[in-house]
């Protein structure tokens, strides 16, 4: 049984990214499981740092994007929305090209907070970053 509120699809999630950072960095959601979301990001000029490897901030942007999307798909968006409170990342190995893939999985889903773990792998399946994001579940202000 899926943890998602409603019936999100990979297509609807990608369309919701619009014209903002995830799209600019080339992120794409590629899979939606019952309790996880997977997305990719290219390692190219937009996402590399001056030494020619994936910028740590780009990895964090991918992690936050996947964690935030997942958190918001768990709640009823007519009543709540989720915002990031804290994120951390351990960069374990460099990636100089190709595609990195992140998978966000729930660690804790509560009434007022959520914690998601995001593991990012290179094209060879080697773990290059592990991140954890804490999301606040906030009521939608009454109109």
N, C-alpha and C. Protein backbone atom coordinates (compact mmCIF):
# COMPACT_ATOMS: atom_id res chain seq x y z
N UNK A 1 0.84 -1.19 0.00
CA UNK A 1 0.00 0.00 0.00
C UNK A 1 0.89 1.25 0.00
N UNK A 2 0.63 2.15 -0.91
CA UNK A 2 1.44 3.36 -1.06
C UNK A 2 1.18 4.35 0.06
N UNK A 3 2.22 5.11 0.41
CA UNK A 3 2.11 6.13 1.45
C UNK A 3 1.62 7.47 0.90
N UNK A 4 1.49 7.58 -0.42
CA UNK A 4 1.19 8.86 -1.04
C UNK A 4 -0.27 9.25 -0.89
N UNK A 5 -0.51 10.53 -0.71
CA UNK A 5 -1.87 11.06 -0.69
C UNK A 5 -2.27 11.31 -2.14
N UNK A 6 -3.42 10.83 -2.53
CA UNK A 6 -3.82 10.97 -3.92
C UNK A 6 -3.12 9.94 -4.78
N UNK A 7 -2.98 10.25 -6.05
CA UNK A 7 -2.37 9.30 -6.99
C UNK A 7 -1.34 10.02 -7.86
N UNK A 8 -0.21 10.43 -7.26
CA UNK A 8 0.80 11.11 -8.07
C UNK A 8 1.40 10.17 -9.11
N UNK A 9 1.85 10.75 -10.21
CA UNK A 9 2.53 9.99 -11.25
C UNK A 9 3.87 10.64 -11.55
N UNK A 10 4.77 9.90 -12.16
CA UNK A 10 6.07 10.45 -12.55
C UNK A 10 5.85 11.66 -13.46
N UNK A 11 4.91 11.56 -14.38
CA UNK A 11 4.65 12.65 -15.32
C UNK A 11 4.18 13.91 -14.59
N UNK A 12 3.23 13.76 -13.67
CA UNK A 12 2.71 14.93 -12.96
C UNK A 12 3.78 15.56 -12.07
N UNK A 13 4.63 14.74 -11.49
CA UNK A 13 5.71 15.27 -10.65
C UNK A 13 6.68 16.08 -11.50
N UNK A 14 7.09 15.53 -12.64
CA UNK A 14 8.02 16.25 -13.51
C UNK A 14 7.41 17.56 -14.02
N UNK A 15 6.13 17.56 -14.33
CA UNK A 15 5.47 18.79 -14.78
C UNK A 15 5.43 19.82 -13.66
N UNK A 16 5.33 19.38 -12.42
CA UNK A 16 5.23 20.32 -11.30
C UNK A 16 6.54 21.06 -11.02
N UNK A 17 7.66 20.55 -11.57
CA UNK A 17 8.94 21.21 -11.35
C UNK A 17 9.02 22.55 -12.06
N UNK A 18 8.22 22.72 -13.11
CA UNK A 18 8.13 24.00 -13.79
C UNK A 18 9.48 24.53 -14.24
N UNK A 19 9.61 25.85 -14.19
CA UNK A 19 10.81 26.53 -14.66
C UNK A 19 11.58 27.06 -13.45
N UNK A 20 12.13 26.14 -12.65
CA UNK A 20 12.88 26.54 -11.46
C UNK A 20 14.12 25.65 -11.32
N UNK A 21 14.77 25.69 -10.18
CA UNK A 21 16.06 25.03 -10.01
C UNK A 21 16.11 23.58 -10.48
N UNK A 22 15.18 22.72 -10.07
CA UNK A 22 15.29 21.32 -10.53
C UNK A 22 15.36 21.21 -12.05
N UNK A 23 14.52 21.95 -12.74
CA UNK A 23 14.54 21.91 -14.21
C UNK A 23 15.84 22.49 -14.74
N UNK A 24 16.28 23.59 -14.17
CA UNK A 24 17.52 24.23 -14.64
C UNK A 24 18.71 23.28 -14.50
N UNK A 25 18.74 22.50 -13.42
CA UNK A 25 19.85 21.57 -13.21
C UNK A 25 19.66 20.24 -13.93
N UNK A 26 18.56 20.09 -14.65
CA UNK A 26 18.33 18.88 -15.45
C UNK A 26 17.79 17.70 -14.66
N UNK A 27 17.20 17.96 -13.50
CA UNK A 27 16.65 16.87 -12.69
C UNK A 27 15.39 16.31 -13.33
N UNK A 28 15.22 15.01 -13.19
CA UNK A 28 14.02 14.31 -13.66
C UNK A 28 13.65 13.24 -12.65
N UNK A 29 12.39 13.15 -12.31
CA UNK A 29 11.91 12.02 -11.51
C UNK A 29 11.72 10.87 -12.48
N UNK A 30 12.24 9.71 -12.10
CA UNK A 30 12.20 8.55 -13.00
C UNK A 30 11.37 7.39 -12.47
N UNK A 31 11.11 7.37 -11.17
CA UNK A 31 10.37 6.24 -10.60
C UNK A 31 9.67 6.68 -9.32
N UNK A 32 8.50 6.14 -9.12
CA UNK A 32 7.72 6.38 -7.91
C UNK A 32 7.25 5.03 -7.40
N UNK A 33 7.81 4.60 -6.27
CA UNK A 33 7.39 3.34 -5.66
C UNK A 33 6.33 3.59 -4.62
N UNK A 34 5.94 2.55 -3.90
CA UNK A 34 4.93 2.70 -2.85
C UNK A 34 5.39 3.59 -1.71
N UNK A 35 6.71 3.65 -1.46
CA UNK A 35 7.23 4.44 -0.34
C UNK A 35 8.58 5.09 -0.65
N UNK A 36 8.86 5.33 -1.93
CA UNK A 36 10.11 5.99 -2.31
C UNK A 36 9.93 6.72 -3.64
N UNK A 37 10.85 7.64 -3.89
CA UNK A 37 10.88 8.38 -5.15
C UNK A 37 12.32 8.39 -5.64
N UNK A 38 12.51 8.24 -6.94
CA UNK A 38 13.83 8.20 -7.55
C UNK A 38 13.92 9.30 -8.60
N UNK A 39 15.05 9.97 -8.63
CA UNK A 39 15.27 11.00 -9.64
C UNK A 39 16.73 11.06 -10.05
N UNK A 40 16.98 11.65 -11.21
CA UNK A 40 18.33 11.75 -11.75
C UNK A 40 18.71 13.21 -11.97
N UNK A 41 20.03 13.41 -12.10
CA UNK A 41 20.58 14.71 -12.44
C UNK A 41 21.87 14.48 -13.22
N UNK A 42 22.07 15.19 -14.33
CA UNK A 42 23.31 15.01 -15.09
C UNK A 42 24.49 15.68 -14.40
N UNK A 43 25.65 15.08 -14.56
CA UNK A 43 26.89 15.72 -14.10
C UNK A 43 27.50 16.35 -15.35
N UNK A 44 27.39 17.66 -15.43
CA UNK A 44 27.82 18.43 -16.60
C UNK A 44 28.18 19.83 -16.11
N UNK A 45 28.43 20.74 -17.03
CA UNK A 45 28.88 22.08 -16.65
C UNK A 45 27.97 22.76 -15.64
N UNK A 46 26.65 22.57 -15.74
CA UNK A 46 25.72 23.22 -14.81
C UNK A 46 25.87 22.71 -13.39
N UNK A 47 26.35 21.48 -13.21
CA UNK A 47 26.36 20.86 -11.88
C UNK A 47 27.77 20.56 -11.36
N UNK A 48 28.80 20.90 -12.14
CA UNK A 48 30.18 20.66 -11.69
C UNK A 48 30.74 21.86 -10.96
N UNK A 49 31.71 21.60 -10.09
CA UNK A 49 32.47 22.66 -9.47
C UNK A 49 33.76 22.88 -10.26
N UNK A 50 34.56 23.91 -9.95
CA UNK A 50 35.73 24.25 -10.78
C UNK A 50 36.75 23.13 -10.98
N UNK A 51 36.80 22.14 -10.10
CA UNK A 51 37.74 21.03 -10.25
C UNK A 51 37.22 19.94 -11.18
N UNK A 52 36.04 20.15 -11.78
CA UNK A 52 35.51 19.22 -12.76
C UNK A 52 34.71 18.07 -12.20
N UNK A 53 34.35 18.13 -10.93
CA UNK A 53 33.54 17.06 -10.33
C UNK A 53 32.20 17.63 -9.86
N UNK A 54 31.27 16.74 -9.61
CA UNK A 54 29.94 17.14 -9.15
C UNK A 54 30.04 18.05 -7.93
N UNK A 55 29.40 19.20 -8.01
CA UNK A 55 29.38 20.17 -6.91
C UNK A 55 28.55 19.60 -5.77
N UNK A 56 29.06 19.70 -4.55
CA UNK A 56 28.32 19.20 -3.39
C UNK A 56 26.96 19.85 -3.25
N UNK A 57 26.88 21.14 -3.59
CA UNK A 57 25.60 21.84 -3.53
C UNK A 57 24.59 21.29 -4.51
N UNK A 58 25.06 20.82 -5.66
CA UNK A 58 24.15 20.21 -6.63
C UNK A 58 23.60 18.90 -6.07
N UNK A 59 24.46 18.13 -5.41
CA UNK A 59 23.98 16.89 -4.77
C UNK A 59 22.93 17.21 -3.72
N UNK A 60 23.18 18.25 -2.93
CA UNK A 60 22.22 18.64 -1.89
C UNK A 60 20.92 19.13 -2.54
N UNK A 61 21.04 19.85 -3.66
CA UNK A 61 19.83 20.31 -4.36
C UNK A 61 18.99 19.11 -4.83
N UNK A 62 19.64 18.07 -5.35
CA UNK A 62 18.92 16.87 -5.76
C UNK A 62 18.27 16.21 -4.55
N UNK A 63 19.03 16.09 -3.47
CA UNK A 63 18.49 15.46 -2.25
C UNK A 63 17.30 16.24 -1.72
N UNK A 64 17.42 17.56 -1.65
CA UNK A 64 16.32 18.37 -1.12
C UNK A 64 15.11 18.31 -2.04
N UNK A 65 15.33 18.31 -3.32
CA UNK A 65 14.22 18.23 -4.27
C UNK A 65 13.45 16.93 -4.08
N UNK A 66 14.15 15.81 -4.03
CA UNK A 66 13.48 14.52 -3.87
C UNK A 66 12.80 14.41 -2.52
N UNK A 67 13.49 14.82 -1.45
CA UNK A 67 12.90 14.75 -0.11
C UNK A 67 11.68 15.65 0.03
N UNK A 68 11.76 16.85 -0.52
CA UNK A 68 10.64 17.79 -0.43
C UNK A 68 9.44 17.31 -1.23
N UNK A 69 9.71 16.81 -2.44
CA UNK A 69 8.61 16.29 -3.24
C UNK A 69 7.91 15.14 -2.52
N UNK A 70 8.72 14.22 -2.01
CA UNK A 70 8.15 13.07 -1.32
C UNK A 70 7.33 13.50 -0.12
N UNK A 71 7.87 14.39 0.70
CA UNK A 71 7.17 14.85 1.90
C UNK A 71 5.83 15.47 1.54
N UNK A 72 5.80 16.28 0.50
CA UNK A 72 4.56 16.95 0.12
C UNK A 72 3.55 16.00 -0.52
N UNK A 73 4.01 14.88 -1.05
CA UNK A 73 3.08 13.92 -1.64
C UNK A 73 2.44 13.03 -0.57
N UNK A 74 2.96 13.06 0.65
CA UNK A 74 2.40 12.25 1.74
C UNK A 74 1.22 12.95 2.40
N UNK A 75 1.19 14.28 2.35
CA UNK A 75 0.16 15.04 3.06
C UNK A 75 -0.95 15.49 2.11
N UNK A 76 -2.09 15.83 2.69
CA UNK A 76 -3.20 16.42 1.95
C UNK A 76 -2.86 17.89 1.73
N UNK A 77 -2.51 18.26 0.49
CA UNK A 77 -2.05 19.62 0.21
C UNK A 77 -3.15 20.68 0.33
N UNK A 78 -4.38 20.28 0.49
CA UNK A 78 -5.42 21.27 0.76
C UNK A 78 -5.39 21.69 2.23
N UNK A 79 -4.71 20.91 3.06
CA UNK A 79 -4.64 21.19 4.50
C UNK A 79 -3.22 21.47 5.00
N UNK A 80 -2.22 20.87 4.35
CA UNK A 80 -0.83 20.98 4.82
C UNK A 80 0.14 21.14 3.66
N UNK A 81 1.31 21.68 3.98
CA UNK A 81 2.44 21.64 3.07
C UNK A 81 3.69 21.41 3.90
N UNK A 82 4.73 20.94 3.27
CA UNK A 82 5.96 20.59 3.98
C UNK A 82 7.09 21.49 3.51
N UNK A 83 7.89 21.96 4.48
CA UNK A 83 9.04 22.81 4.18
C UNK A 83 10.26 22.26 4.89
N UNK A 84 11.40 22.44 4.28
CA UNK A 84 12.64 21.93 4.86
C UNK A 84 13.03 22.68 6.13
N UNK A 85 13.45 21.93 7.15
CA UNK A 85 13.96 22.50 8.39
C UNK A 85 15.47 22.33 8.49
N UNK A 86 15.95 21.18 8.04
CA UNK A 86 17.38 20.89 8.15
C UNK A 86 17.73 19.85 7.11
N UNK A 87 18.92 20.01 6.54
CA UNK A 87 19.43 19.00 5.61
C UNK A 87 20.91 18.84 5.86
N UNK A 88 21.38 17.60 5.75
CA UNK A 88 22.83 17.37 5.83
C UNK A 88 23.20 16.41 4.72
N UNK A 89 24.47 16.39 4.41
CA UNK A 89 24.95 15.51 3.34
C UNK A 89 26.39 15.12 3.60
N UNK A 90 26.69 13.88 3.35
CA UNK A 90 28.07 13.39 3.37
C UNK A 90 28.43 13.05 1.93
N UNK A 91 29.45 13.73 1.43
CA UNK A 91 29.93 13.49 0.07
C UNK A 91 31.03 12.45 0.16
N UNK A 92 30.80 11.28 -0.43
CA UNK A 92 31.66 10.13 -0.20
C UNK A 92 32.68 9.88 -1.30
N UNK A 93 32.35 10.22 -2.54
CA UNK A 93 33.30 10.03 -3.64
C UNK A 93 32.93 10.99 -4.77
N UNK A 94 33.92 11.39 -5.54
CA UNK A 94 33.65 12.34 -6.63
C UNK A 94 33.01 11.65 -7.84
N UNK A 95 32.26 12.44 -8.59
CA UNK A 95 31.68 11.99 -9.84
C UNK A 95 32.02 13.08 -10.86
N UNK A 96 32.63 12.70 -11.99
CA UNK A 96 33.04 13.71 -12.96
C UNK A 96 32.13 13.81 -14.17
N UNK A 97 31.37 12.78 -14.45
CA UNK A 97 30.44 12.86 -15.58
C UNK A 97 29.37 11.78 -15.46
N UNK A 98 28.45 11.82 -16.39
CA UNK A 98 27.37 10.83 -16.38
C UNK A 98 26.13 11.35 -15.69
N UNK A 99 25.41 10.45 -15.11
CA UNK A 99 24.14 10.75 -14.46
C UNK A 99 24.22 10.23 -13.03
N UNK A 100 23.77 11.04 -12.07
CA UNK A 100 23.64 10.53 -10.71
C UNK A 100 22.15 10.29 -10.45
N UNK A 101 21.89 9.28 -9.62
CA UNK A 101 20.52 8.88 -9.31
C UNK A 101 20.33 8.92 -7.81
N UNK A 102 19.29 9.62 -7.38
CA UNK A 102 18.96 9.71 -5.96
C UNK A 102 17.68 8.97 -5.66
N UNK A 103 17.65 8.33 -4.50
CA UNK A 103 16.44 7.64 -4.03
C UNK A 103 16.11 8.13 -2.64
N UNK A 104 14.92 8.72 -2.50
CA UNK A 104 14.45 9.22 -1.20
C UNK A 104 13.51 8.20 -0.58
N UNK A 105 13.80 7.84 0.67
CA UNK A 105 12.97 6.89 1.42
C UNK A 105 12.64 7.49 2.78
N UNK A 106 11.43 7.25 3.24
CA UNK A 106 10.99 7.79 4.52
C UNK A 106 11.68 7.09 5.68
N UNK A 107 12.13 7.89 6.63
CA UNK A 107 12.66 7.39 7.90
C UNK A 107 11.58 7.55 8.97
N UNK A 108 10.87 8.70 8.92
CA UNK A 108 9.83 9.01 9.90
C UNK A 108 8.78 9.88 9.23
N UNK A 109 7.53 9.52 9.37
CA UNK A 109 6.43 10.34 8.88
C UNK A 109 5.50 10.60 10.06
N UNK A 110 5.55 11.81 10.59
CA UNK A 110 4.74 12.18 11.73
C UNK A 110 3.73 13.26 11.39
N UNK A 111 2.97 13.68 12.41
CA UNK A 111 1.96 14.72 12.18
C UNK A 111 2.58 16.09 11.94
N UNK A 112 3.72 16.38 12.59
CA UNK A 112 4.30 17.71 12.47
C UNK A 112 5.69 17.72 11.84
N UNK A 113 6.26 16.55 11.61
CA UNK A 113 7.57 16.49 10.96
C UNK A 113 7.74 15.18 10.21
N UNK A 114 8.66 15.22 9.26
CA UNK A 114 9.04 14.03 8.51
C UNK A 114 10.55 14.03 8.37
N UNK A 115 11.14 12.84 8.28
CA UNK A 115 12.57 12.69 8.02
C UNK A 115 12.72 11.74 6.84
N UNK A 116 13.52 12.17 5.85
CA UNK A 116 13.76 11.38 4.64
C UNK A 116 15.24 11.18 4.46
N UNK A 117 15.62 9.99 4.04
CA UNK A 117 17.01 9.69 3.69
C UNK A 117 17.12 9.62 2.17
N UNK A 118 18.15 10.27 1.63
CA UNK A 118 18.36 10.28 0.20
C UNK A 118 19.75 9.74 -0.08
N UNK A 119 19.82 8.67 -0.85
CA UNK A 119 21.10 8.07 -1.25
C UNK A 119 21.30 8.36 -2.73
N UNK A 120 22.45 8.93 -3.05
CA UNK A 120 22.76 9.30 -4.43
C UNK A 120 23.92 8.43 -4.92
N UNK A 121 23.69 7.78 -6.06
CA UNK A 121 24.67 6.86 -6.66
C UNK A 121 25.11 7.37 -8.02
N UNK A 122 26.32 7.00 -8.42
CA UNK A 122 26.79 7.33 -9.77
C UNK A 122 26.26 6.30 -10.76
N UNK A 123 26.64 6.46 -12.03
CA UNK A 123 26.14 5.58 -13.09
C UNK A 123 26.58 4.13 -12.90
N UNK A 124 27.65 3.89 -12.12
CA UNK A 124 28.12 2.53 -11.84
C UNK A 124 27.50 1.94 -10.58
N UNK A 125 26.57 2.68 -9.96
CA UNK A 125 25.91 2.20 -8.76
C UNK A 125 26.68 2.45 -7.48
N UNK A 126 27.79 3.21 -7.55
CA UNK A 126 28.57 3.49 -6.35
C UNK A 126 27.97 4.68 -5.61
N UNK A 127 27.85 4.53 -4.30
CA UNK A 127 27.28 5.58 -3.45
C UNK A 127 28.25 6.76 -3.41
N UNK A 128 27.78 7.93 -3.83
CA UNK A 128 28.65 9.10 -3.77
C UNK A 128 28.17 10.14 -2.77
N UNK A 129 26.90 10.08 -2.34
CA UNK A 129 26.41 11.04 -1.34
C UNK A 129 25.26 10.40 -0.59
N UNK A 130 25.22 10.66 0.70
CA UNK A 130 24.07 10.26 1.51
C UNK A 130 23.61 11.49 2.27
N UNK A 131 22.31 11.73 2.25
CA UNK A 131 21.75 12.94 2.83
C UNK A 131 20.52 12.59 3.65
N UNK A 132 20.23 13.47 4.59
CA UNK A 132 19.00 13.32 5.37
C UNK A 132 18.36 14.70 5.50
N UNK A 133 17.06 14.76 5.25
CA UNK A 133 16.34 16.02 5.35
C UNK A 133 15.20 15.88 6.36
N UNK A 134 15.04 16.91 7.18
CA UNK A 134 13.92 16.99 8.12
C UNK A 134 12.95 18.04 7.58
N UNK A 135 11.70 17.65 7.45
CA UNK A 135 10.67 18.51 6.91
C UNK A 135 9.64 18.84 7.99
N UNK A 136 9.25 20.11 8.06
CA UNK A 136 8.16 20.52 8.93
C UNK A 136 6.85 20.39 8.16
N UNK A 137 5.83 19.85 8.81
CA UNK A 137 4.49 19.77 8.22
C UNK A 137 3.71 20.96 8.77
N UNK A 138 3.34 21.86 7.86
CA UNK A 138 2.75 23.15 8.24
C UNK A 138 1.31 23.22 7.75
N UNK A 139 0.39 23.70 8.59
CA UNK A 139 -0.99 23.85 8.12
C UNK A 139 -1.07 24.97 7.08
N UNK A 140 -1.93 24.77 6.08
CA UNK A 140 -2.18 25.82 5.10
C UNK A 140 -2.96 26.93 5.83
N UNK A 141 -2.50 28.17 5.70
CA UNK A 141 -3.22 29.26 6.39
C UNK A 141 -4.66 29.37 5.89
N UNK A 142 -5.58 29.66 6.80
CA UNK A 142 -6.97 29.82 6.38
C UNK A 142 -7.10 31.14 5.63
N UNK A 143 -7.96 31.12 4.66
CA UNK A 143 -8.12 32.31 3.79
C UNK A 143 -9.14 33.27 4.35
